[in-house]
Amino acid sequence: MLYKAFPIETEVIVDELGENLDEETTDNYFATIRFLQREGFIHYQKLHYSAFKGVVLTAKGLKILDTMADALADEKARGAVIREVIKLSV
């Protein structure tokens, strides 16, 4: 979503990220967005209720996503990326 919109600022409404979100999932979405800003991957102007306003990727965030897109385009690298994602999720 942010990658396709770059460099246009967008609005991320947490309640619209999925259907029937429970409280734990909603809390995780909020925490993830705040974490991504603290680590310098995204920037947002403000949080208003369940909406993050003015969200945009930083140069750091864009570079990471470009690197992943390049790796996914390369069939040999694609397997390595998938294996790494699986390792991280376990």
PDB file of N, CA and C in Angstrom:
ATOM      1  N   MET A   1       0.829  -1.190   0.000  1.00  0.00           N
ATOM      2  CA  MET A   1       0.000   0.000   0.000  1.00  0.00           C
ATOM      3  C   MET A   1       0.870   1.248   0.000  1.00  0.00           C
ATOM      4  N   LEU A   2       1.782   1.383   0.957  1.00  0.00           N
ATOM      5  CA  LEU A   2       2.649   2.561   1.019  1.00  0.00           C
ATOM      6  C   LEU A   2       3.636   2.574  -0.133  1.00  0.00           C
ATOM      7  N   TYR A   3       4.096   1.394  -0.540  1.00  0.00           N
ATOM      8  CA  TYR A   3       5.057   1.282  -1.631  1.00  0.00           C
ATOM      9  C   TYR A   3       4.441   1.797  -2.929  1.00  0.00           C
ATOM     10  N   LYS A   4       3.208   1.393  -3.201  1.00  0.00           N
ATOM     11  CA  LYS A   4       2.531   1.821  -4.431  1.00  0.00           C
ATOM     12  C   LYS A   4       2.195   3.304  -4.406  1.00  0.00           C
ATOM     13  N   ALA A   5       1.928   3.848  -3.233  1.00  0.00           N
ATOM     14  CA  ALA A   5       1.546   5.257  -3.112  1.00  0.00           C
ATOM     15  C   ALA A   5       2.748   6.194  -3.091  1.00  0.00           C
ATOM     16  N   PHE A   6       3.949   5.674  -2.823  1.00  0.00           N
ATOM     17  CA  PHE A   6       5.133   6.515  -2.661  1.00  0.00           C
ATOM     18  C   PHE A   6       5.309   7.437  -3.855  1.00  0.00           C
ATOM     19  N   PRO A   7       5.571   8.716  -3.650  1.00  0.00           N
ATOM     20  CA  PRO A   7       5.890   9.453  -2.433  1.00  0.00           C
ATOM     21  C   PRO A   7       4.691  10.187  -1.827  1.00  0.00           C
ATOM     22  N   ILE A   8       3.504   9.812  -2.223  1.00  0.00           N
ATOM     23  CA  ILE A   8       2.295  10.472  -1.727  1.00  0.00           C
ATOM     24  C   ILE A   8       1.989   9.986  -0.308  1.00  0.00           C
ATOM     25  N   GLU A   9       1.740  10.943   0.590  1.00  0.00           N
ATOM     26  CA  GLU A   9       1.330  10.575   1.948  1.00  0.00           C
ATOM     27  C   GLU A   9      -0.062   9.963   1.894  1.00  0.00           C
ATOM     28  N   THR A  10      -0.301   8.996   2.737  1.00  0.00           N
ATOM     29  CA  THR A  10      -1.588   8.311   2.740  1.00  0.00           C
ATOM     30  C   THR A  10      -2.104   8.182   4.168  1.00  0.00           C
ATOM     31  N   GLU A  11      -3.291   7.667   4.293  1.00  0.00           N
ATOM     32  CA  GLU A  11      -3.903   7.460   5.603  1.00  0.00           C
ATOM     33  C   GLU A  11      -4.040   5.959   5.826  1.00  0.00           C
ATOM     34  N   VAL A  12      -3.614   5.495   6.978  1.00  0.00           N
ATOM     35  CA  VAL A  12      -3.762   4.083   7.335  1.00  0.00           C
ATOM     36  C   VAL A  12      -4.777   4.011   8.466  1.00  0.00           C
ATOM     37  N   ILE A  13      -5.920   3.403   8.173  1.00  0.00           N
ATOM     38  CA  ILE A  13      -6.980   3.241   9.167  1.00  0.00           C
ATOM     39  C   ILE A  13      -6.912   1.803   9.673  1.00  0.00           C
ATOM     40  N   VAL A  14      -6.493   1.653  10.900  1.00  0.00           N
ATOM     41  CA  VAL A  14      -6.247   0.324  11.467  1.00  0.00           C
ATOM     42  C   VAL A  14      -7.496  -0.546  11.401  1.00  0.00           C
ATOM     43  N   ASP A  15      -8.654   0.016  11.688  1.00  0.00           N
ATOM     44  CA  ASP A  15      -9.897  -0.763  11.683  1.00  0.00           C
ATOM     45  C   ASP A  15     -10.235  -1.326  10.306  1.00  0.00           C
ATOM     46  N   GLU A  16      -9.621  -0.779   9.244  1.00  0.00           N
ATOM     47  CA  GLU A  16      -9.908  -1.240   7.887  1.00  0.00           C
ATOM     48  C   GLU A  16      -8.845  -2.198   7.347  1.00  0.00           C
ATOM     49  N   LEU A  17      -7.887  -2.586   8.174  1.00  0.00           N
ATOM     50  CA  LEU A  17      -6.822  -3.484   7.723  1.00  0.00           C
ATOM     51  C   LEU A  17      -7.269  -4.939   7.669  1.00  0.00           C
ATOM     52  N   GLY A  18      -8.402  -5.241   8.226  1.00  0.00           N
ATOM     53  CA  GLY A  18      -8.935  -6.596   8.200  1.00  0.00           C
ATOM     54  C   GLY A  18     -10.356  -6.603   8.714  1.00  0.00           C
ATOM     55  N   GLU A  19     -11.010  -7.745   8.527  1.00  0.00           N
ATOM     56  CA  GLU A  19     -12.385  -7.879   9.003  1.00  0.00           C
ATOM     57  C   GLU A  19     -12.395  -8.523  10.384  1.00  0.00           C
ATOM     58  N   ASN A  20     -13.333  -8.112  11.203  1.00  0.00           N
ATOM     59  CA  ASN A  20     -13.531  -8.695  12.535  1.00  0.00           C
ATOM     60  C   ASN A  20     -12.237  -8.766  13.349  1.00  0.00           C
ATOM     61  N   LEU A  21     -11.556  -7.643  13.448  1.00  0.00           N
ATOM     62  CA  LEU A  21     -10.304  -7.606  14.202  1.00  0.00           C
ATOM     63  C   LEU A  21     -10.585  -7.690  15.694  1.00  0.00           C
ATOM     64  N   ASP A  22      -9.884  -8.603  16.356  1.00  0.00           N
ATOM     65  CA  ASP A  22     -10.015  -8.658  17.808  1.00  0.00           C
ATOM     66  C   ASP A  22      -9.071  -7.622  18.423  1.00  0.00           C
ATOM     67  N   GLU A  23      -9.190  -7.429  19.713  1.00  0.00           N
ATOM     68  CA  GLU A  23      -8.416  -6.383  20.388  1.00  0.00           C
ATOM     69  C   GLU A  23      -6.911  -6.628  20.284  1.00  0.00           C
ATOM     70  N   GLU A  24      -6.489  -7.875  20.410  1.00  0.00           N
ATOM     71  CA  GLU A  24      -5.059  -8.192  20.340  1.00  0.00           C
ATOM     72  C   GLU A  24      -4.485  -7.874  18.959  1.00  0.00           C
ATOM     73  N   THR A  25      -5.209  -8.242  17.911  1.00  0.00           N
ATOM     74  CA  THR A  25      -4.751  -7.961  16.553  1.00  0.00           C
ATOM     75  C   THR A  25      -4.679  -6.462  16.308  1.00  0.00           C
ATOM     76  N   THR A  26      -5.701  -5.750  16.745  1.00  0.00           N
ATOM     77  CA  THR A  26      -5.716  -4.295  16.592  1.00  0.00           C
ATOM     78  C   THR A  26      -4.538  -3.668  17.323  1.00  0.00           C
ATOM     79  N   ASP A  27      -4.287  -4.104  18.546  1.00  0.00           N
ATOM     80  CA  ASP A  27      -3.145  -3.595  19.314  1.00  0.00           C
ATOM     81  C   ASP A  27      -1.829  -3.873  18.595  1.00  0.00           C
ATOM     82  N   ASN A  28      -1.709  -5.055  17.985  1.00  0.00           N
ATOM     83  CA  ASN A  28      -0.494  -5.400  17.244  1.00  0.00           C
ATOM     84  C   ASN A  28      -0.303  -4.499  16.033  1.00  0.00           C
ATOM     85  N   TYR A  29      -1.390  -4.172  15.330  1.00  0.00           N
ATOM     86  CA  TYR A  29      -1.289  -3.252  14.188  1.00  0.00           C
ATOM     87  C   TYR A  29      -0.785  -1.884  14.647  1.00  0.00           C
ATOM     88  N   PHE A  30      -1.373  -1.361  15.716  1.00  0.00           N
ATOM     89  CA  PHE A  30      -0.931  -0.060  16.239  1.00  0.00           C
ATOM     90  C   PHE A  30       0.542  -0.116  16.641  1.00  0.00           C
ATOM     91  N   ALA A  31       0.926  -1.161  17.360  1.00  0.00           N
ATOM     92  CA  ALA A  31       2.310  -1.293  17.821  1.00  0.00           C
ATOM     93  C   ALA A  31       3.280  -1.411  16.650  1.00  0.00           C
ATOM     94  N   THR A  32       2.881  -2.132  15.618  1.00  0.00           N
ATOM     95  CA  THR A  32       3.745  -2.309  14.451  1.00  0.00           C
ATOM     96  C   THR A  32       3.976  -0.991  13.731  1.00  0.00           C
ATOM     97  N   ILE A  33       2.928  -0.218  13.537  1.00  0.00           N
ATOM     98  CA  ILE A  33       3.072   1.067  12.850  1.00  0.00           C
ATOM     99  C   ILE A  33       3.943   2.011  13.666  1.00  0.00           C
ATOM    100  N   ARG A  34       3.746   2.047  14.967  1.00  0.00           N
ATOM    101  CA  ARG A  34       4.589   2.900  15.822  1.00  0.00           C
ATOM    102  C   ARG A  34       6.046   2.423  15.794  1.00  0.00           C
ATOM    103  N   PHE A  35       6.257   1.108  15.809  1.00  0.00           N
ATOM    104  CA  PHE A  35       7.609   0.548  15.729  1.00  0.00           C
ATOM    105  C   PHE A  35       8.282   0.943  14.414  1.00  0.00           C
ATOM    106  N   LEU A  36       7.561   0.804  13.305  1.00  0.00           N
ATOM    107  CA  LEU A  36       8.137   1.150  12.004  1.00  0.00           C
ATOM    108  C   LEU A  36       8.551   2.617  11.956  1.00  0.00           C
ATOM    109  N   GLN A  37       7.792   3.483  12.611  1.00  0.00           N
ATOM    110  CA  GLN A  37       8.190   4.893  12.653  1.00  0.00           C
ATOM    111  C   GLN A  37       9.426   5.073  13.538  1.00  0.00           C
ATOM    112  N   ARG A  38       9.423   4.477  14.712  1.00  0.00           N
ATOM    113  CA  ARG A  38      10.582   4.618  15.615  1.00  0.00           C
ATOM    114  C   ARG A  38      11.872   4.138  14.960  1.00  0.00           C
ATOM    115  N   GLU A  39      11.778   3.074  14.163  1.00  0.00           N
ATOM    116  CA  GLU A  39      12.960   2.506  13.515  1.00  0.00           C
ATOM    117  C   GLU A  39      13.312   3.203  12.204  1.00  0.00           C
ATOM    118  N   GLY A  40      12.494   4.173  11.798  1.00  0.00           N
ATOM    119  CA  GLY A  40      12.824   4.980  10.624  1.00  0.00           C
ATOM    120  C   GLY A  40      12.408   4.407   9.283  1.00  0.00           C
ATOM    121  N   PHE A  41      11.479   3.447   9.266  1.00  0.00           N
ATOM    122  CA  PHE A  41      11.016   2.876   8.003  1.00  0.00           C
ATOM    123  C   PHE A  41       9.854   3.658   7.400  1.00  0.00           C
ATOM    124  N   ILE A  42       9.037   4.261   8.262  1.00  0.00           N
ATOM    125  CA  ILE A  42       7.929   5.094   7.807  1.00  0.00           C
ATOM    126  C   ILE A  42       7.911   6.367   8.644  1.00  0.00           C
ATOM    127  N   HIS A  43       7.143   7.318   8.171  1.00  0.00           N
ATOM    128  CA  HIS A  43       6.885   8.539   8.940  1.00  0.00           C
ATOM    129  C   HIS A  43       5.379   8.784   8.874  1.00  0.00           C
ATOM    130  N   TYR A  44       4.791   9.174   9.984  1.00  0.00           N
ATOM    131  CA  TYR A  44       3.403   9.622   9.959  1.00  0.00           C
ATOM    132  C   TYR A  44       3.307  10.918  10.740  1.00  0.00           C
ATOM    133  N   GLN A  45       2.336  11.758  10.328  1.00  0.00           N
ATOM    134  CA  GLN A  45       2.196  13.069  10.954  1.00  0.00           C
ATOM    135  C   GLN A  45       1.503  12.990  12.298  1.00  0.00           C
ATOM    136  N   LYS A  46       0.404  12.218  12.354  1.00  0.00           N
ATOM    137  CA  LYS A  46      -0.313  12.114  13.626  1.00  0.00           C
ATOM    138  C   LYS A  46      -1.219  10.894  13.630  1.00  0.00           C
ATOM    139  N   LEU A  47      -1.604  10.510  14.837  1.00  0.00           N
ATOM    140  CA  LEU A  47      -2.576   9.438  15.043  1.00  0.00           C
ATOM    141  C   LEU A  47      -3.861  10.092  15.511  1.00  0.00           C
ATOM    142  N   HIS A  48      -4.946   9.834  14.789  1.00  0.00           N
ATOM    143  CA  HIS A  48      -6.250  10.396  15.142  1.00  0.00           C
ATOM    144  C   HIS A  48      -7.235   9.238  15.247  1.00  0.00           C
ATOM    145  N   TYR A  49      -7.596   8.877  16.468  1.00  0.00           N
ATOM    146  CA  TYR A  49      -8.442   7.715  16.757  1.00  0.00           C
ATOM    147  C   TYR A  49      -7.788   6.463  16.184  1.00  0.00           C
ATOM    148  N   SER A  50      -8.362   5.832  15.167  1.00  0.00           N
ATOM    149  CA  SER A  50      -7.752   4.617  14.621  1.00  0.00           C
ATOM    150  C   SER A  50      -7.060   4.871  13.289  1.00  0.00           C
ATOM    151  N   ALA A  51      -6.800   6.144  12.965  1.00  0.00           N
ATOM    152  CA  ALA A  51      -6.187   6.484  11.682  1.00  0.00           C
ATOM    153  C   ALA A  51      -4.832   7.154  11.873  1.00  0.00           C
ATOM    154  N   PHE A  52      -3.839   6.624  11.186  1.00  0.00           N
ATOM    155  CA  PHE A  52      -2.535   7.274  11.112  1.00  0.00           C
ATOM    156  C   PHE A  52      -2.576   8.182   9.884  1.00  0.00           C
ATOM    157  N   LYS A  53      -2.370   9.466  10.088  1.00  0.00           N
ATOM    158  CA  LYS A  53      -2.469  10.460   9.012  1.00  0.00           C
ATOM    159  C   LYS A  53      -1.084  10.786   8.470  1.00  0.00           C
ATOM    160  N   GLY A  54      -1.011  11.038   7.159  1.00  0.00           N
ATOM    161  CA  GLY A  54       0.236  11.458   6.533  1.00  0.00           C
ATOM    162  C   GLY A  54       1.322  10.400   6.572  1.00  0.00           C
ATOM    163  N   VAL A  55       0.961   9.156   6.320  1.00  0.00           N
ATOM    164  CA  VAL A  55       1.930   8.056   6.378  1.00  0.00           C
ATOM    165  C   VAL A  55       2.659   7.949   5.041  1.00  0.00           C
ATOM    166  N   VAL A  56       3.983   7.857   5.118  1.00  0.00           N
ATOM    167  CA  VAL A  56       4.798   7.715   3.912  1.00  0.00           C
ATOM    168  C   VAL A  56       6.051   6.915   4.264  1.00  0.00           C
ATOM    169  N   LEU A  57       6.542   6.171   3.300  1.00  0.00           N
ATOM    170  CA  LEU A  57       7.798   5.455   3.498  1.00  0.00           C
ATOM    171  C   LEU A  57       8.948   6.447   3.572  1.00  0.00           C
ATOM    172  N   THR A  58       9.937   6.153   4.379  1.00  0.00           N
ATOM    173  CA  THR A  58      11.174   6.928   4.387  1.00  0.00           C
ATOM    174  C   THR A  58      12.099   6.334   3.321  1.00  0.00           C
ATOM    175  N   ALA A  59      13.229   6.986   3.093  1.00  0.00           N
ATOM    176  CA  ALA A  59      14.213   6.448   2.147  1.00  0.00           C
ATOM    177  C   ALA A  59      14.665   5.058   2.598  1.00  0.00           C
ATOM    178  N   LYS A  60      14.833   4.882   3.899  1.00  0.00           N
ATOM    179  CA  LYS A  60      15.242   3.591   4.466  1.00  0.00           C
ATOM    180  C   LYS A  60      14.190   2.517   4.186  1.00  0.00           C
ATOM    181  N   GLY A  61      12.922   2.843   4.409  1.00  0.00           N
ATOM    182  CA  GLY A  61      11.844   1.895   4.158  1.00  0.00           C
ATOM    183  C   GLY A  61      11.719   1.548   2.690  1.00  0.00           C
ATOM    184  N   LEU A  62      11.864   2.549   1.832  1.00  0.00           N
ATOM    185  CA  LEU A  62      11.775   2.328   0.388  1.00  0.00           C
ATOM    186  C   LEU A  62      12.916   1.434  -0.088  1.00  0.00           C
ATOM    187  N   LYS A  63      14.109   1.663   0.432  1.00  0.00           N
ATOM    188  CA  LYS A  63      15.271   0.859   0.033  1.00  0.00           C
ATOM    189  C   LYS A  63      15.071  -0.608   0.397  1.00  0.00           C
ATOM    190  N   ILE A  64      14.571  -0.872   1.598  1.00  0.00           N
ATOM    191  CA  ILE A  64      14.323  -2.257   2.031  1.00  0.00           C
ATOM    192  C   ILE A  64      13.311  -2.929   1.107  1.00  0.00           C
ATOM    193  N   LEU A  65      12.224  -2.237   0.801  1.00  0.00           N
ATOM    194  CA  LEU A  65      11.193  -2.830  -0.052  1.00  0.00           C
ATOM    195  C   LEU A  65      11.691  -3.014  -1.477  1.00  0.00           C
ATOM    196  N   ASP A  66      12.513  -2.084  -1.981  1.00  0.00           N
ATOM    197  CA  ASP A  66      13.105  -2.251  -3.311  1.00  0.00           C
ATOM    198  C   ASP A  66      14.002  -3.478  -3.348  1.00  0.00           C
ATOM    199  N   THR A  67      14.789  -3.668  -2.306  1.00  0.00           N
ATOM    200  CA  THR A  67      15.686  -4.825  -2.220  1.00  0.00           C
ATOM    201  C   THR A  67      14.883  -6.116  -2.221  1.00  0.00           C
ATOM    202  N   MET A  68      13.798  -6.144  -1.459  1.00  0.00           N
ATOM    203  CA  MET A  68      12.953  -7.341  -1.417  1.00  0.00           C
ATOM    204  C   MET A  68      12.293  -7.588  -2.766  1.00  0.00           C
ATOM    205  N   ALA A  69      11.833  -6.527  -3.427  1.00  0.00           N
ATOM    206  CA  ALA A  69      11.189  -6.676  -4.735  1.00  0.00           C
ATOM    207  C   ALA A  69      12.180  -7.230  -5.751  1.00  0.00           C
ATOM    208  N   ASP A  70      13.425  -6.726  -5.718  1.00  0.00           N
ATOM    209  CA  ASP A  70      14.453  -7.234  -6.628  1.00  0.00           C
ATOM    210  C   ASP A  70      14.726  -8.709  -6.364  1.00  0.00           C
ATOM    211  N   ALA A  71      14.816  -9.077  -5.094  1.00  0.00           N
ATOM    212  CA  ALA A  71      15.081 -10.470  -4.735  1.00  0.00           C
ATOM    213  C   ALA A  71      13.932 -11.373  -5.163  1.00  0.00           C
ATOM    214  N   LEU A  72      12.720 -10.902  -5.018  1.00  0.00           N
ATOM    215  CA  LEU A  72      11.564 -11.712  -5.401  1.00  0.00           C
ATOM    216  C   LEU A  72      11.457 -11.863  -6.913  1.00  0.00           C
ATOM    217  N   ALA A  73      12.002 -10.907  -7.672  1.00  0.00           N
ATOM    218  CA  ALA A  73      11.985 -10.994  -9.130  1.00  0.00           C
ATOM    219  C   ALA A  73      12.979 -12.046  -9.621  1.00  0.00           C
ATOM    220  N   ASP A  74      14.031 -12.289  -8.860  1.00  0.00           N
ATOM    221  CA  ASP A  74      15.051 -13.282  -9.194  1.00  0.00           C
ATOM    222  C   ASP A  74      14.609 -14.630  -8.623  1.00  0.00           C
ATOM    223  N   GLU A  75      14.363 -15.606  -9.509  1.00  0.00           N
ATOM    224  CA  GLU A  75      13.810 -16.886  -9.047  1.00  0.00           C
ATOM    225  C   GLU A  75      14.692 -17.586  -8.026  1.00  0.00           C
ATOM    226  N   LYS A  76      16.008 -17.533  -8.178  1.00  0.00           N
ATOM    227  CA  LYS A  76      16.900 -18.189  -7.217  1.00  0.00           C
ATOM    228  C   LYS A  76      16.827 -17.493  -5.866  1.00  0.00           C
ATOM    229  N   ALA A  77      16.785 -16.170  -5.889  1.00  0.00           N
ATOM    230  CA  ALA A  77      16.731 -15.408  -4.638  1.00  0.00           C
ATOM    231  C   ALA A  77      15.364 -15.539  -3.976  1.00  0.00           C
ATOM    232  N   ARG A  78      14.328 -15.763  -4.778  1.00  0.00           N
ATOM    233  CA  ARG A  78      12.971 -15.868  -4.244  1.00  0.00           C
ATOM    234  C   ARG A  78      12.884 -16.963  -3.184  1.00  0.00           C
ATOM    235  N   GLY A  79      13.470 -18.105  -3.453  1.00  0.00           N
ATOM    236  CA  GLY A  79      13.459 -19.203  -2.490  1.00  0.00           C
ATOM    237  C   GLY A  79      14.165 -18.835  -1.199  1.00  0.00           C
ATOM    238  N   ALA A  80      15.285 -18.122  -1.325  1.00  0.00           N
ATOM    239  CA  ALA A  80      16.026 -17.695  -0.133  1.00  0.00           C
ATOM    240  C   ALA A  80      15.201 -16.724   0.696  1.00  0.00           C
ATOM    241  N   VAL A  81      14.504 -15.806   0.043  1.00  0.00           N
ATOM    242  CA  VAL A  81      13.667 -14.839   0.756  1.00  0.00           C
ATOM    243  C   VAL A  81      12.534 -15.560   1.472  1.00  0.00           C
ATOM    244  N   ILE A  82      11.904 -16.499   0.788  1.00  0.00           N
ATOM    245  CA  ILE A  82      10.795 -17.246   1.395  1.00  0.00           C
ATOM    246  C   ILE A  82      11.292 -18.045   2.599  1.00  0.00           C
ATOM    247  N   ARG A  83      12.448 -18.694   2.467  1.00  0.00           N
ATOM    248  CA  ARG A  83      13.008 -19.445   3.600  1.00  0.00           C
ATOM    249  C   ARG A  83      13.297 -18.524   4.778  1.00  0.00           C
ATOM    250  N   GLU A  84      13.839 -17.342   4.502  1.00  0.00           N
ATOM    251  CA  GLU A  84      14.168 -16.401   5.573  1.00  0.00           C
ATOM    252  C   GLU A  84      12.905 -15.913   6.281  1.00  0.00           C
ATOM    253  N   VAL A  85      11.850 -15.635   5.514  1.00  0.00           N
ATOM    254  CA  VAL A  85      10.587 -15.194   6.110  1.00  0.00           C
ATOM    255  C   VAL A  85      10.009 -16.292   6.993  1.00  0.00           C
ATOM    256  N   ILE A  86      10.087 -17.532   6.528  1.00  0.00           N
ATOM    257  CA  ILE A  86       9.580 -18.654   7.324  1.00  0.00           C
ATOM    258  C   ILE A  86      10.374 -18.783   8.620  1.00  0.00           C
ATOM    259  N   LYS A  87      11.695 -18.646   8.550  1.00  0.00           N
ATOM    260  CA  LYS A  87      12.529 -18.719   9.756  1.00  0.00           C
ATOM    261  C   LYS A  87      12.139 -17.634  10.754  1.00  0.00           C
ATOM    262  N   LEU A  88      11.893 -16.426  10.254  1.00  0.00           N
ATOM    263  CA  LEU A  88      11.557 -15.314  11.131  1.00  0.00           C
ATOM    264  C   LEU A  88      10.187 -15.475  11.774  1.00  0.00           C
ATOM    265  N   SER A  89       9.294 -16.196  11.106  1.00  0.00           N
ATOM    266  CA  SER A  89       7.936 -16.321  11.634  1.00  0.00           C
ATOM    267  C   SER A  89       7.797 -17.454  12.645  1.00  0.00           C
ATOM    268  N   VAL A  90       8.790 -18.293  12.751  1.00  0.00           N
ATOM    269  CA  VAL A  90       8.713 -19.436  13.679  1.00  0.00           C
ATOM    270  C   VAL A  90       9.153 -19.042  15.060  1.00  0.00           C
TER     271      VAL A  90
END
